[in-house]
Amino acid sequence: MKKGKQFLLDTQILIWLMRNETTKLKNKRLRFLDENCFVSIESLKEMAHKLAIGKIEIEANPKRLLKQIENFGISVLDFDKDAISALFNLPFYKENRDPSDRAIVAHAISKKMVLVSEDSQFRLYQKDGLYLQRLK
């Protein structure tokens, strides 16, 4: 593992990478891709749900999807006791009721990782210890 910051990618960023939607990532600050990049297992659960309801089109074979993620140099983080503890302690904000978002935020906080996202809702959690890099 490289030294330096560790980045946790939000689900939407991962989807764009998996679908090779470089236009959506164009002109974004992508330095994080040269660092230690991770995704939460929660993002994979969220992607499976969105795939099942027809909200996204991505690789449907889990083995191939995990290989794609690995080929990008991204590691998958299991949700451990520290992440669960952070989730239990995370305040609830009525502006963001998405359980996947809350789990990903808790995961980033528990691991002291920088969450990379385009979602403006994540700013709510910065006062709770979230390090955030928004793609503008």
C-alpha atoms as a PDB file:
ATOM      1  CA  MET A   1       0.000   0.000   0.000  1.00  0.00           C
ATOM      2  CA  LYS A   2       1.259   3.478  -0.873  1.00  0.00           C
ATOM      3  CA  LYS A   3       1.888   6.042   1.834  1.00  0.00           C
ATOM      4  CA  GLY A   4      -0.290   9.119   1.916  1.00  0.00           C
ATOM      5  CA  LYS A   5      -3.952   9.852   2.138  1.00  0.00           C
ATOM      6  CA  GLN A   6      -6.520   7.135   1.808  1.00  0.00           C
ATOM      7  CA  PHE A   7      -9.632   7.805  -0.233  1.00  0.00           C
ATOM      8  CA  LEU A   8     -13.047   6.171   0.012  1.00  0.00           C
ATOM      9  CA  LEU A   9     -14.991   6.537  -3.235  1.00  0.00           C
ATOM     10  CA  ASP A  10     -18.697   7.221  -3.105  1.00  0.00           C
ATOM     11  CA  THR A  11     -20.909   4.796  -5.007  1.00  0.00           C
ATOM     12  CA  GLN A  12     -21.583   7.235  -7.862  1.00  0.00           C
ATOM     13  CA  ILE A  13     -17.856   7.749  -8.486  1.00  0.00           C
ATOM     14  CA  LEU A  14     -17.371   3.980  -8.593  1.00  0.00           C
ATOM     15  CA  ILE A  15     -20.270   3.580 -11.035  1.00  0.00           C
ATOM     16  CA  TRP A  16     -18.766   6.203 -13.349  1.00  0.00           C
ATOM     17  CA  LEU A  17     -15.414   4.414 -13.249  1.00  0.00           C
ATOM     18  CA  MET A  18     -16.993   1.005 -13.881  1.00  0.00           C
ATOM     19  CA  ARG A  19     -19.005   2.349 -16.810  1.00  0.00           C
ATOM     20  CA  ASN A  20     -15.988   4.241 -18.174  1.00  0.00           C
ATOM     21  CA  GLU A  21     -17.946   7.480 -18.096  1.00  0.00           C
ATOM     22  CA  THR A  22     -14.854   9.618 -18.264  1.00  0.00           C
ATOM     23  CA  THR A  23     -16.826  12.630 -19.471  1.00  0.00           C
ATOM     24  CA  LYS A  24     -18.505  12.838 -16.062  1.00  0.00           C
ATOM     25  CA  LEU A  25     -15.102  12.731 -14.397  1.00  0.00           C
ATOM     26  CA  LYS A  26     -13.416  15.032 -16.921  1.00  0.00           C
ATOM     27  CA  ASN A  27     -11.931  18.214 -15.481  1.00  0.00           C
ATOM     28  CA  LYS A  28     -12.431  16.827 -11.988  1.00  0.00           C
ATOM     29  CA  ARG A  29      -9.686  16.673  -9.399  1.00  0.00           C
ATOM     30  CA  LEU A  30      -8.712  13.038  -9.925  1.00  0.00           C
ATOM     31  CA  ARG A  31      -5.451  12.965  -7.972  1.00  0.00           C
ATOM     32  CA  PHE A  32      -7.066  10.503  -5.604  1.00  0.00           C
ATOM     33  CA  LEU A  33      -6.797   7.796  -8.293  1.00  0.00           C
ATOM     34  CA  ASP A  34      -3.018   7.853  -7.835  1.00  0.00           C
ATOM     35  CA  GLU A  35      -3.384   7.265  -4.101  1.00  0.00           C
ATOM     36  CA  ASN A  36      -4.820   4.525  -1.903  1.00  0.00           C
ATOM     37  CA  CYS A  37      -8.398   4.123  -3.128  1.00  0.00           C
ATOM     38  CA  PHE A  38     -11.094   2.071  -1.473  1.00  0.00           C
ATOM     39  CA  VAL A  39     -14.807   1.451  -1.754  1.00  0.00           C
ATOM     40  CA  SER A  40     -17.094   0.374   1.023  1.00  0.00           C
ATOM     41  CA  ILE A  41     -18.822  -2.964   0.748  1.00  0.00           C
ATOM     42  CA  GLU A  42     -21.939  -0.815   1.247  1.00  0.00           C
ATOM     43  CA  SER A  43     -21.365   0.695  -2.217  1.00  0.00           C
ATOM     44  CA  LEU A  44     -21.420  -2.770  -3.767  1.00  0.00           C
ATOM     45  CA  LYS A  45     -24.677  -3.557  -1.953  1.00  0.00           C
ATOM     46  CA  GLU A  46     -26.111  -0.272  -3.206  1.00  0.00           C
ATOM     47  CA  MET A  47     -25.000  -1.049  -6.763  1.00  0.00           C
ATOM     48  CA  ALA A  48     -26.573  -4.527  -6.604  1.00  0.00           C
ATOM     49  CA  HIS A  49     -29.855  -2.972  -5.433  1.00  0.00           C
ATOM     50  CA  LYS A  50     -29.816  -0.307  -8.169  1.00  0.00           C
ATOM     51  CA  LEU A  51     -29.004  -2.957 -10.786  1.00  0.00           C
ATOM     52  CA  ALA A  52     -31.894  -5.149  -9.592  1.00  0.00           C
ATOM     53  CA  ILE A  53     -34.440  -2.331  -9.846  1.00  0.00           C
ATOM     54  CA  GLY A  54     -33.141  -1.185 -13.232  1.00  0.00           C
ATOM     55  CA  LYS A  55     -31.767   2.136 -12.023  1.00  0.00           C
ATOM     56  CA  ILE A  56     -28.253   1.499 -13.387  1.00  0.00           C
ATOM     57  CA  GLU A  57     -26.555  -0.679 -15.982  1.00  0.00           C
ATOM     58  CA  ILE A  58     -23.243  -2.161 -14.868  1.00  0.00           C
ATOM     59  CA  GLU A  59     -21.443  -5.493 -14.978  1.00  0.00           C
ATOM     60  CA  ALA A  60     -23.912  -7.910 -13.380  1.00  0.00           C
ATOM     61  CA  ASN A  61     -21.432 -10.714 -12.711  1.00  0.00           C
ATOM     62  CA  PRO A  62     -19.986 -10.100  -9.218  1.00  0.00           C
ATOM     63  CA  LYS A  63     -16.665 -11.815  -9.998  1.00  0.00           C
ATOM     64  CA  ARG A  64     -16.113  -9.693 -13.103  1.00  0.00           C
ATOM     65  CA  LEU A  65     -17.232  -6.538 -11.278  1.00  0.00           C
ATOM     66  CA  LEU A  66     -14.773  -7.196  -8.439  1.00  0.00           C
ATOM     67  CA  LYS A  67     -12.034  -7.836 -11.017  1.00  0.00           C
ATOM     68  CA  GLN A  68     -12.832  -4.496 -12.683  1.00  0.00           C
ATOM     69  CA  ILE A  69     -12.556  -2.756  -9.320  1.00  0.00           C
ATOM     70  CA  GLU A  70      -9.266  -4.516  -8.629  1.00  0.00           C
ATOM     71  CA  ASN A  71      -7.933  -3.507 -12.066  1.00  0.00           C
ATOM     72  CA  PHE A  72      -8.472   0.135 -11.106  1.00  0.00           C
ATOM     73  CA  GLY A  73      -6.291  -0.470  -8.044  1.00  0.00           C
ATOM     74  CA  ILE A  74      -9.273  -0.036  -5.728  1.00  0.00           C
ATOM     75  CA  SER A  75      -9.694  -2.203  -2.637  1.00  0.00           C
ATOM     76  CA  VAL A  76     -13.041  -3.185  -1.101  1.00  0.00           C
ATOM     77  CA  LEU A  77     -13.461  -2.529   2.626  1.00  0.00           C
ATOM     78  CA  ASP A  78     -15.621  -4.779   4.754  1.00  0.00           C
ATOM     79  CA  PHE A  79     -17.932  -3.121   7.239  1.00  0.00           C
ATOM     80  CA  ASP A  80     -16.265  -3.838  10.582  1.00  0.00           C
ATOM     81  CA  LYS A  81     -17.008  -3.087  14.246  1.00  0.00           C
ATOM     82  CA  ASP A  82     -15.455   0.390  14.036  1.00  0.00           C
ATOM     83  CA  ALA A  83     -17.656   1.277  11.064  1.00  0.00           C
ATOM     84  CA  ILE A  84     -20.754  -0.033  12.835  1.00  0.00           C
ATOM     85  CA  SER A  85     -19.868   1.971  15.945  1.00  0.00           C
ATOM     86  CA  ALA A  86     -19.428   5.111  13.824  1.00  0.00           C
ATOM     87  CA  LEU A  87     -22.811   4.458  12.173  1.00  0.00           C
ATOM     88  CA  PHE A  88     -24.543   4.138  15.540  1.00  0.00           C
ATOM     89  CA  ASN A  89     -22.950   7.421  16.661  1.00  0.00           C
ATOM     90  CA  LEU A  90     -23.639   9.329  13.449  1.00  0.00           C
ATOM     91  CA  PRO A  91     -26.328  11.996  13.841  1.00  0.00           C
ATOM     92  CA  PHE A  92     -29.411  11.714  11.673  1.00  0.00           C
ATOM     93  CA  TYR A  93     -29.988  14.642   9.336  1.00  0.00           C
ATOM     94  CA  LYS A  94     -33.429  14.914   7.782  1.00  0.00           C
ATOM     95  CA  GLU A  95     -31.781  16.356   4.650  1.00  0.00           C
ATOM     96  CA  ASN A  96     -30.156  12.982   3.977  1.00  0.00           C
ATOM     97  CA  ARG A  97     -32.217   9.902   4.765  1.00  0.00           C
ATOM     98  CA  ASP A  98     -30.321   7.533   2.456  1.00  0.00           C
ATOM     99  CA  PRO A  99     -29.121   4.565   4.567  1.00  0.00           C
ATOM    100  CA  SER A 100     -26.322   3.756   2.094  1.00  0.00           C
ATOM    101  CA  ASP A 101     -25.015   7.321   2.303  1.00  0.00           C
ATOM    102  CA  ARG A 102     -25.004   7.150   6.092  1.00  0.00           C
ATOM    103  CA  ALA A 103     -23.140   3.829   6.068  1.00  0.00           C
ATOM    104  CA  ILE A 104     -20.525   5.120   3.610  1.00  0.00           C
ATOM    105  CA  VAL A 105     -20.017   8.279   5.688  1.00  0.00           C
ATOM    106  CA  ALA A 106     -19.633   6.204   8.852  1.00  0.00           C
ATOM    107  CA  HIS A 107     -17.139   3.956   7.082  1.00  0.00           C
ATOM    108  CA  ALA A 108     -15.049   6.953   5.976  1.00  0.00           C
ATOM    109  CA  ILE A 109     -15.140   8.496   9.462  1.00  0.00           C
ATOM    110  CA  SER A 110     -14.197   5.244  11.189  1.00  0.00           C
ATOM    111  CA  LYS A 111     -11.176   4.742   8.896  1.00  0.00           C
ATOM    112  CA  LYS A 112     -10.219   8.440   8.828  1.00  0.00           C
ATOM    113  CA  MET A 113     -10.402   8.372   5.045  1.00  0.00           C
ATOM    114  CA  VAL A 114     -11.225  11.184   2.653  1.00  0.00           C
ATOM    115  CA  LEU A 115     -14.626  10.547   1.078  1.00  0.00           C
ATOM    116  CA  VAL A 116     -14.632  11.434  -2.626  1.00  0.00           C
ATOM    117  CA  SER A 117     -18.082  12.394  -3.842  1.00  0.00           C
ATOM    118  CA  GLU A 118     -20.064  14.788  -5.968  1.00  0.00           C
ATOM    119  CA  ASP A 119     -22.994  14.611  -3.534  1.00  0.00           C
ATOM    120  CA  SER A 120     -23.512  17.931  -1.745  1.00  0.00           C
ATOM    121  CA  GLN A 121     -25.416  16.170   1.078  1.00  0.00           C
ATOM    122  CA  PHE A 122     -22.183  14.809   2.501  1.00  0.00           C
ATOM    123  CA  ARG A 123     -21.166  18.307   3.632  1.00  0.00           C
ATOM    124  CA  LEU A 124     -23.621  17.840   6.494  1.00  0.00           C
ATOM    125  CA  TYR A 125     -21.282  15.304   8.082  1.00  0.00           C
ATOM    126  CA  GLN A 126     -18.087  17.349   8.027  1.00  0.00           C
ATOM    127  CA  LYS A 127     -18.841  18.687  11.494  1.00  0.00           C
ATOM    128  CA  ASP A 128     -19.068  15.045  12.626  1.00  0.00           C
ATOM    129  CA  GLY A 129     -15.522  14.218  11.545  1.00  0.00           C
ATOM    130  CA  LEU A 130     -15.939  13.479   7.837  1.00  0.00           C
ATOM    131  CA  TYR A 131     -13.062  14.464   5.579  1.00  0.00           C
ATOM    132  CA  LEU A 132     -14.614  15.252   2.230  1.00  0.00           C
ATOM    133  CA  GLN A 133     -13.266  15.901  -1.250  1.00  0.00           C
ATOM    134  CA  ARG A 134     -16.064  17.058  -3.475  1.00  0.00           C
ATOM    135  CA  LEU A 135     -15.725  16.877  -7.217  1.00  0.00           C
ATOM    136  CA  LYS A 136     -16.846  20.230  -8.510  1.00  0.00           C
END
